[in-house]
Protein backbone atom coordinates (compact mmCIF):
# COMPACT_ATOMS: atom_id res chain seq x y z
CA MET A 1 93.19 160.88 56.15
CA ASP A 2 91.47 157.71 54.71
CA ARG A 3 91.49 157.15 50.95
CA VAL A 4 89.47 154.71 48.67
CA ILE A 5 91.14 151.48 47.44
CA GLU A 6 89.80 150.66 44.03
CA LYS A 7 88.90 147.14 43.22
CA LYS A 8 90.89 145.31 40.44
CA LYS A 9 88.79 144.08 37.48
CA TRP A 10 91.07 141.17 36.22
CA SER A 11 92.19 139.60 39.38
CA THR A 12 94.40 136.56 38.96
CA LYS A 13 91.62 134.14 40.15
CA ARG A 14 89.35 135.51 37.56
CA ILE A 15 91.89 135.06 34.94
CA LEU A 16 92.70 131.31 35.88
CA THR A 17 88.88 130.70 35.96
CA ILE A 18 88.40 132.01 32.30
CA ALA A 19 91.47 130.25 30.85
CA GLY A 20 90.21 126.75 32.61
CA VAL A 21 86.75 127.30 30.89
CA THR A 22 88.15 128.33 27.69
CA ALA A 23 90.21 125.12 27.56
CA LEU A 24 87.40 123.01 28.44
CA VAL A 25 85.32 124.59 25.78
CA ALA A 26 87.99 123.85 23.31
CA LEU A 27 88.25 120.47 24.29
CA ILE A 28 84.68 119.66 24.01
CA THR A 29 84.66 121.46 20.79
CA GLY A 30 87.61 119.49 19.38
CA SER A 31 86.41 116.17 20.65
CA TYR A 32 83.04 116.91 18.94
CA TYR A 33 84.92 117.59 15.64
CA PHE A 34 87.08 114.57 15.65
CA THR A 35 84.11 112.01 16.71
CA SER A 36 81.52 113.57 14.93
CA GLY A 37 82.90 113.43 11.31
CA ASN A 38 85.69 111.26 9.52
CA SER A 39 89.23 111.67 10.63
CA GLN A 40 91.48 112.78 7.86
CA LEU A 41 95.31 112.85 7.00
CA ASN A 42 97.39 114.93 4.50
CA VAL A 43 99.34 112.42 2.26
CA ASP A 44 102.02 113.06 -0.18
CA THR A 45 101.19 111.35 -3.41
CA GLU A 46 104.77 110.81 -4.41
CA ARG A 47 105.15 108.53 -1.24
CA ILE A 48 102.27 106.02 -1.89
CA THR A 49 101.60 103.71 -4.69
CA ILE A 50 98.20 104.03 -6.62
CA ALA A 51 96.94 101.22 -8.69
CA GLU A 52 94.12 100.76 -10.97
CA ILE A 53 91.77 97.76 -10.89
CA LYS A 54 91.58 95.91 -14.11
CA LYS A 55 90.00 92.93 -15.64
CA GLY A 56 92.44 90.23 -16.97
CA ILE A 57 93.54 86.50 -17.14
CA PHE A 58 93.94 85.20 -13.48
CA GLN A 59 95.71 82.17 -12.34
CA GLU A 60 96.33 81.31 -8.79
CA ASN A 61 99.67 80.22 -8.18
CA ILE A 62 102.31 80.09 -5.43
CA PRO A 63 106.15 81.01 -5.54
CA VAL A 64 108.05 77.61 -4.39
CA ASN A 65 111.69 76.80 -4.45
CA GLY A 66 112.84 73.58 -6.11
CA ILE A 67 116.29 71.71 -6.33
CA VAL A 68 117.33 69.58 -9.33
CA LEU A 69 117.98 66.15 -8.90
CA PRO A 70 118.62 63.26 -10.74
CA VAL A 71 115.44 61.63 -12.14
CA THR A 72 116.65 58.28 -10.39
CA THR A 73 119.06 58.11 -7.41
CA ILE A 74 120.25 54.63 -6.04
CA TYR A 75 121.54 54.77 -2.65
CA LEU A 76 124.62 52.50 -1.67
CA ASP A 77 124.16 50.75 1.54
CA ALA A 78 126.82 48.39 3.19
CA THR A 79 125.36 45.17 2.61
CA GLU A 80 127.90 43.60 5.19
CA GLY A 81 129.62 45.84 7.76
CA GLY A 82 133.58 46.08 7.75
CA ARG A 83 136.58 47.93 7.58
CA VAL A 84 137.25 50.05 4.76
CA GLU A 85 140.56 48.49 3.03
CA GLU A 86 140.49 49.95 -0.35
CA LYS A 87 138.80 52.82 -2.23
CA TYR A 88 138.97 52.36 -6.07
CA VAL A 89 137.42 55.70 -7.19
CA GLU A 90 136.62 59.04 -5.75
CA ASP A 91 133.19 60.87 -5.33
CA GLY A 92 131.93 62.50 -8.63
CA ALA A 93 133.37 59.40 -10.77
CA ILE A 94 131.61 58.38 -13.57
CA MET A 95 130.73 54.33 -13.03
CA LYS A 96 129.62 51.46 -15.22
CA LYS A 97 127.58 48.73 -13.93
CA GLY A 98 129.67 46.27 -12.14
CA GLN A 99 132.60 48.45 -11.42
CA PRO A 100 134.17 48.25 -8.00
CA ILE A 101 133.91 51.35 -5.73
CA MET A 102 135.60 50.07 -2.61
CA ARG A 103 136.73 47.13 -0.48
CA LEU A 104 135.81 46.20 2.94
CA SER A 105 137.28 43.39 5.13
CA ASN A 106 135.30 41.45 7.73
CA THR A 107 137.37 38.58 9.47
CA ASP A 108 134.22 37.16 11.16
CA LEU A 109 132.44 36.80 7.94
CA GLU A 110 135.65 35.41 6.06
CA LEU A 111 136.01 32.81 8.95
CA SER A 112 132.43 31.66 8.47
CA LEU A 113 133.10 31.20 4.93
CA SER A 114 136.03 29.06 5.77
CA ASN A 115 133.98 27.13 8.18
CA GLN A 116 131.30 26.58 5.70
CA GLU A 117 133.67 25.21 2.96
CA THR A 118 135.10 22.94 5.49
CA GLN A 119 131.39 21.58 6.50
CA VAL A 120 130.51 21.18 2.62
CA PHE A 121 133.85 19.23 2.19
CA ASN A 122 132.88 17.06 5.05
CA VAL A 123 129.52 16.29 3.71
CA LEU A 124 130.93 15.37 0.29
CA THR A 125 133.56 13.11 1.79
CA GLN A 126 130.77 11.36 3.82
CA MET A 127 128.45 10.99 0.80
CA GLN A 128 131.58 9.34 -1.20
CA ILE A 129 132.03 7.06 1.78
CA SER A 130 128.32 6.21 1.97
CA LYS A 131 128.19 5.64 -1.68
CA ASN A 132 131.28 3.43 -1.40
CA ASN A 133 129.72 1.42 1.37
CA ALA A 134 126.38 1.05 -0.43
CA ASP A 135 128.18 -0.12 -3.64
CA GLN A 136 130.04 -2.71 -1.63
CA ASN A 137 126.78 -3.91 0.12
CA THR A 138 125.28 -4.15 -3.08
CA ILE A 139 127.92 -6.24 -4.55
CA THR A 140 127.92 -8.34 -1.55
CA ARG A 141 124.23 -9.15 -1.82
CA LEU A 142 124.65 -9.72 -5.32
CA ASN A 143 127.13 -12.29 -4.63
CA GLN A 144 125.06 -13.81 -1.92
CA MET A 145 122.09 -13.74 -4.64
CA ALA A 146 124.20 -15.64 -7.21
CA GLU A 147 125.27 -18.39 -4.60
CA VAL A 148 121.55 -19.06 -3.61
CA ASP A 149 120.42 -19.01 -7.24
CA ASN A 150 123.05 -21.50 -7.93
CA ALA A 151 122.01 -23.62 -5.13
CA VAL A 152 118.25 -23.37 -5.93
CA LYS A 153 118.98 -24.68 -9.40
CA GLU A 154 121.38 -27.65 -8.03
CA ALA A 155 118.79 -28.47 -5.38
CA GLU A 156 116.06 -28.41 -8.34
CA ARG A 157 118.19 -30.76 -10.36
CA VAL A 158 118.68 -33.22 -7.64
CA TYR A 159 115.22 -33.22 -6.75
CA THR A 160 114.05 -33.62 -10.35
CA VAL A 161 116.51 -36.65 -10.75
CA ASN A 162 115.39 -38.29 -7.49
CA LYS A 163 111.72 -37.88 -8.47
CA LYS A 164 112.44 -39.80 -11.38
CA LEU A 165 114.71 -42.22 -9.63
CA TYR A 166 112.10 -42.83 -6.71
CA ALA A 167 109.14 -43.28 -9.39
CA GLN A 168 111.44 -46.23 -10.76
CA LYS A 169 111.95 -47.37 -7.24
CA ALA A 170 115.59 -46.92 -7.81
CA ILE A 171 115.90 -44.96 -4.48
CA GLY A 172 114.25 -44.90 -1.30
CA ALA A 173 111.79 -42.55 -0.03
CA GLN A 174 114.05 -41.02 2.50
CA GLU A 175 116.68 -39.76 -0.07
CA TYR A 176 113.87 -38.43 -2.43
CA LYS A 177 112.24 -36.58 0.51
CA SER A 178 115.46 -35.25 1.59
CA SER A 179 116.08 -33.82 -1.98
CA GLU A 180 112.58 -32.21 -2.03
CA ASN A 181 112.94 -30.21 1.21
CA LEU A 182 116.41 -29.05 0.22
CA TRP A 183 114.93 -27.78 -2.91
CA GLN A 184 111.99 -26.03 -1.37
CA TYR A 185 114.43 -24.54 1.26
CA GLN A 186 116.53 -23.05 -1.44
CA VAL A 187 113.58 -21.44 -3.12
CA THR A 188 112.46 -19.90 0.25
CA ARG A 189 116.02 -18.84 0.61
CA LYS A 190 116.06 -17.29 -2.64
CA LYS A 191 112.79 -15.26 -2.18
CA LEU A 192 114.43 -14.06 1.45
CA THR A 193 117.62 -13.01 -0.42
CA GLU A 194 115.77 -11.22 -3.13
CA ASP A 195 113.69 -9.23 -0.68
CA ILE A 196 116.97 -8.28 1.30
CA LEU A 197 118.45 -7.20 -1.89
CA ARG A 198 115.43 -5.15 -2.81
CA LYS A 199 115.28 -3.50 0.60
CA ASP A 200 118.82 -2.66 0.63
CA SER A 201 118.53 -1.13 -2.88
CA ILE A 202 115.55 1.12 -1.62
CA SER A 203 117.41 1.92 1.59
CA ASN A 204 120.81 2.91 -0.37
CA ARG A 205 118.73 5.17 -2.76
CA VAL A 206 116.92 7.04 0.29
CA GLN A 207 120.25 7.34 2.11
CA LEU A 208 122.01 8.75 -1.03
CA SER A 209 119.04 11.06 -2.06
CA GLN A 210 119.35 12.48 1.66
CA GLY A 211 122.99 12.82 1.37
CA GLN A 212 122.53 14.64 -1.73
CA GLN A 213 120.08 16.90 -0.73
CA SER A 214 122.18 17.71 2.59
CA TYR A 215 125.00 18.55 0.24
CA GLU A 216 123.00 20.57 -2.21
CA ARG A 217 121.63 22.70 0.98
CA MET A 218 125.27 22.89 2.22
CA GLN A 219 126.04 24.18 -1.16
CA ASN A 220 123.59 26.92 -1.50
CA ALA A 221 124.37 28.10 2.05
CA LEU A 222 128.01 28.24 0.77
CA LEU A 223 127.00 30.08 -2.27
CA LEU A 224 125.14 32.58 0.06
CA MET A 225 128.18 32.89 2.22
CA ARG A 226 130.50 33.45 -0.80
CA LYS A 227 128.11 36.12 -2.03
CA LYS A 228 128.28 37.94 1.67
CA VAL A 229 132.00 38.03 1.30
CA GLY A 230 131.84 39.05 -2.22
CA ASP A 231 129.80 41.87 -1.12
CA LEU A 232 132.56 43.24 0.98
CA VAL A 233 133.55 44.57 -2.42
CA VAL A 234 130.96 47.43 -3.22
CA ARG A 235 130.18 47.50 -6.66
CA ALA A 236 127.96 50.07 -8.82
CA PRO A 237 124.58 48.39 -9.52
CA VAL A 238 124.04 50.75 -12.72
CA ASP A 239 125.56 53.02 -14.77
CA GLY A 240 125.71 56.59 -13.23
CA GLN A 241 127.77 59.13 -11.19
CA LEU A 242 128.84 58.43 -7.82
CA THR A 243 128.12 61.29 -5.41
CA SER A 244 127.96 61.72 -1.67
CA LEU A 245 130.87 59.15 -1.00
CA ASP A 246 131.16 58.86 2.62
CA ALA A 247 133.89 56.28 3.44
CA GLU A 248 137.65 56.86 4.28
CA ILE A 249 140.33 54.05 4.49
CA GLY A 250 140.43 52.54 8.04
CA GLN A 251 136.68 53.47 8.82
CA SER A 252 134.47 50.83 10.15
CA LYS A 253 131.08 50.59 8.41
CA ASN A 254 128.00 48.90 10.18
CA LYS A 255 125.91 46.76 8.08
CA GLY A 256 123.17 48.79 6.60
CA GLU A 257 125.06 52.04 6.80
CA ARG A 258 124.79 54.56 3.82
CA LEU A 259 128.12 54.47 1.88
CA GLY A 260 127.03 57.07 -0.92
CA GLN A 261 124.50 57.17 -3.92
CA LEU A 262 124.72 56.64 -7.57
CA ASP A 263 122.83 59.12 -9.71
CA VAL A 264 121.45 57.90 -13.00
CA LEU A 265 122.37 60.58 -15.60
CA SER A 266 119.36 59.79 -17.91
CA GLY A 267 117.54 62.96 -16.85
CA PHE A 268 116.63 65.27 -13.75
CA LYS A 269 113.47 65.96 -11.85
CA VAL A 270 113.05 68.74 -9.37
CA ARG A 271 112.17 68.43 -5.49
CA VAL A 272 110.07 71.20 -4.15
CA ASP A 273 109.35 72.31 -0.89
CA VAL A 274 105.72 73.31 -0.19
CA ASP A 275 104.11 75.06 2.87
CA GLU A 276 101.59 72.62 4.65
CA HIS A 277 98.94 75.34 4.47
CA TYR A 278 98.60 73.95 0.60
CA ILE A 279 98.90 70.19 1.43
CA SER A 280 95.08 69.72 0.68
CA ARG A 281 95.24 71.55 -2.73
CA ILE A 282 98.47 69.68 -4.06
CA PHE A 283 98.13 66.62 -6.32
CA THR A 284 99.80 64.83 -9.15
CA GLY A 285 99.49 66.64 -12.28
CA LEU A 286 99.53 70.27 -11.10
CA SER A 287 101.65 72.46 -13.38
CA GLY A 288 104.26 74.88 -12.89
CA ASN A 289 106.72 77.00 -14.83
CA PHE A 290 110.02 78.94 -14.29
CA ASP A 291 112.32 81.08 -16.29
CA PHE A 292 115.73 79.97 -17.04
CA ALA A 293 118.45 81.64 -19.59
CA GLY A 294 115.78 83.71 -20.74
CA LYS A 295 113.32 81.10 -21.75
CA ASN A 296 110.36 79.47 -19.92
CA TYR A 297 109.97 75.99 -19.10
CA LYS A 298 107.11 73.98 -17.79
CA LEU A 299 107.05 71.33 -14.99
CA ALA A 300 104.39 68.88 -13.73
CA ILE A 301 104.11 67.16 -10.17
CA LYS A 302 104.71 63.58 -10.48
CA LYS A 303 104.83 62.48 -6.71
CA VAL A 304 103.51 63.82 -3.64
CA TYR A 305 105.31 63.32 -0.16
CA THR A 306 102.52 63.69 2.42
CA GLN A 307 104.90 63.75 5.44
CA VAL A 308 105.38 67.36 7.06
CA THR A 309 108.52 68.38 8.64
CA ASN A 310 109.07 71.75 10.02
CA GLY A 311 105.73 72.85 8.49
CA ARG A 312 106.38 71.85 4.86
CA PHE A 313 106.03 68.92 2.62
CA GLN A 314 107.85 67.91 -0.54
CA VAL A 315 106.82 67.05 -4.16
CA ASP A 316 108.64 65.83 -7.20
CA MET A 317 108.13 67.63 -10.49
CA GLU A 318 109.28 66.44 -13.88
CA PHE A 319 110.14 68.62 -16.89
CA GLU A 320 107.44 68.72 -19.81
CA ASN A 321 108.50 68.68 -23.26
CA GLU A 322 112.29 69.85 -22.61
CA VAL A 323 114.88 70.09 -20.23
CA PRO A 324 116.64 73.42 -20.00
CA LYS A 325 120.51 73.07 -21.54
CA GLY A 326 122.91 73.61 -18.90
CA ILE A 327 121.07 72.60 -15.70
CA ARG A 328 123.05 71.08 -13.21
CA ARG A 329 122.14 68.84 -10.21
CA GLY A 330 121.58 70.90 -6.99
CA GLN A 331 120.64 73.69 -8.74
CA THR A 332 118.05 76.03 -7.14
CA LEU A 333 114.83 76.96 -9.28
CA GLN A 334 112.37 79.52 -8.51
CA ILE A 335 108.97 77.91 -9.69
CA ARG A 336 105.64 79.38 -9.97
CA LEU A 337 103.25 76.49 -8.88
CA ALA A 338 99.78 76.84 -10.39
CA LEU A 339 96.78 75.96 -7.90
CA SER A 340 93.98 76.85 -10.68
CA GLU A 341 93.14 77.16 -14.15
CA GLU A 342 93.30 80.61 -15.85
CA LYS A 343 90.10 82.66 -15.66
CA GLN A 344 88.81 86.00 -16.28
CA ALA A 345 88.96 87.90 -12.84
CA LEU A 346 89.16 91.57 -11.34
CA LEU A 347 92.96 91.88 -10.48
CA LEU A 348 94.34 94.07 -7.66
CA PRO A 349 98.12 94.37 -7.64
CA LYS A 350 99.64 93.21 -4.43
CA GLY A 351 101.32 95.47 -1.99
CA GLY A 352 101.78 96.59 1.69
CA PHE A 353 98.26 97.54 2.48
CA TYR A 354 97.43 93.85 3.03
CA GLN A 355 99.55 93.49 6.38
CA GLN A 356 97.37 96.21 7.85
CA THR A 357 93.85 95.19 6.39
CA GLY A 358 94.02 91.61 5.72
CA GLY A 359 92.32 91.95 2.47
CA ASN A 360 89.21 93.33 4.36
CA TRP A 361 89.29 96.73 3.17
CA ILE A 362 91.24 99.34 1.13
CA PHE A 363 91.54 103.29 0.34
CA LYS A 364 89.72 104.02 -2.69
CA VAL A 365 90.72 107.19 -4.62
CA ASN A 366 87.97 109.37 -5.67
CA GLU A 367 87.56 110.39 -9.31
CA ALA A 368 89.06 113.72 -8.76
CA GLY A 369 92.26 112.12 -7.27
CA THR A 370 92.19 114.56 -4.27
CA LYS A 371 91.02 112.17 -1.56
CA ALA A 372 90.91 108.23 -0.67
CA TYR A 373 88.31 106.85 1.58
CA LYS A 374 87.67 103.47 3.16
CA VAL A 375 85.80 100.68 1.34
CA ASP A 376 85.15 97.10 2.37
CA ILE A 377 86.31 94.77 -0.09
CA GLN A 378 86.43 90.85 -0.41
CA LEU A 379 89.54 89.13 -1.96
CA GLY A 380 89.68 85.56 -3.36
CA MET A 381 92.76 83.81 -4.50
CA GLN A 382 96.29 85.20 -5.19
CA SER A 383 98.98 84.95 -7.54
CA PRO A 384 102.42 86.25 -7.00
CA ASP A 385 101.57 89.66 -8.45
CA ASN A 386 97.75 89.98 -7.85
CA TYR A 387 94.74 89.67 -5.76
CA GLU A 388 91.46 88.07 -7.06
CA VAL A 389 88.79 90.87 -6.34
CA LEU A 390 85.23 89.08 -5.36
CA SER A 391 83.33 92.31 -4.18
CA GLY A 392 83.94 96.03 -3.35
CA LEU A 393 85.65 97.15 -6.37
CA GLU A 394 84.93 97.70 -10.25
CA PRO A 395 87.13 97.85 -13.07
CA GLY A 396 88.90 101.47 -13.34
CA ASP A 397 88.71 102.11 -9.71
CA LYS A 398 91.94 103.28 -8.06
CA VAL A 399 93.23 102.18 -4.92
CA ILE A 400 96.16 102.77 -2.72
CA THR A 401 98.42 99.58 -2.43
CA SER A 402 101.47 100.83 -0.27
CA SER A 403 101.53 100.04 3.31
CA TYR A 404 99.06 101.76 5.69
CA GLU A 405 101.40 101.52 8.66
CA ASN A 406 101.40 105.22 9.38
CA TYR A 407 97.67 105.96 8.77
CA GLY A 408 96.20 104.61 11.99
CA THR A 409 92.48 104.86 12.50
CA MET A 410 92.06 107.49 9.63
CA GLN A 411 89.17 107.16 7.64
CA GLU A 412 90.09 109.60 4.87
CA LEU A 413 93.33 110.51 3.25
CA ILE A 414 93.79 113.90 1.77
CA LEU A 415 96.11 113.49 -1.36
CA LYS A 416 98.51 116.31 -1.84
CA LYS A 417 100.91 116.85 -4.72
């Protein structure tokens, strides 16, 4: 006997179809909800930092580190190369001007000095010989001149006598003429002898002058050579403290090689490293300050070194008014370097929000303190503690300054206590 089979109202296929439609509707509804309104996130107020926008004195400055150095440092370089034979003092010694520090030896230099001294001695000896020869030649010429002068006088006497005798017809014309010719010859001879004596005198003076000049040049060269040998003993050029001494006995040093330095103890300066980003804004006269032993001290830039190394450049700063007591060479100071004058501005305390927003927006808390929402802002200069607010916020506004790392793309924050 046949029986009627009833049709099931909730088949598996029907259930799956209904579930799929329901899920699709839920997805569409959720998508609409999250895209049509502001996305929100619950935030515990105990885990965030809320700051108030205030108006106050603002000065743009950057934190930099500086190292205390002597106001004047003189480098000790090897004027002449050589081997270190003796060290008279050790690193850190307080030196007086001219006090020896070390002694080098250089056999080539010492041999050159010996050769130079020999050459000077030879030139001096040759000058003495030349002078003696000149003196002897002058004496000989003067003797000749005396003989010639005497011969002229005798010839003139004979000629005068014969002239009178010839006028009296006492002697013949031949004897008279002979005495006249002899007298004229002796006069001519005297003129030639005087000319030779004069030229010899000039020649001797020139020769002696040239010899003297040559000797003086050799003497100057000898003095320079002696100075070079004397420079093998390295001495302190000024009063100060010897530092960074780099020399050991037996060590060879080349000419121009750094041996150490001498710090003049008349004062200190601070050598500061600055990021190259600020190179166009740094100039002499800018001020800075730092705290030391519970007191604030001021500095001013005196010199800017524009060479950039590893993304940084250096400046020298000197103390204004007074130098802190107890400060030491090599000490590191944390300095606030001012890049602008003091002025009135809206102040936004610094915080972790800047890493995610770049200073373009911030979460502003409503008056009730229950919500925070995004607002666009514009920031200007900065100091170690604050940003300068140019637009987007007003005095009394409260904002979240802690990190936004976990907020993603949220538009609003629900503040829960």
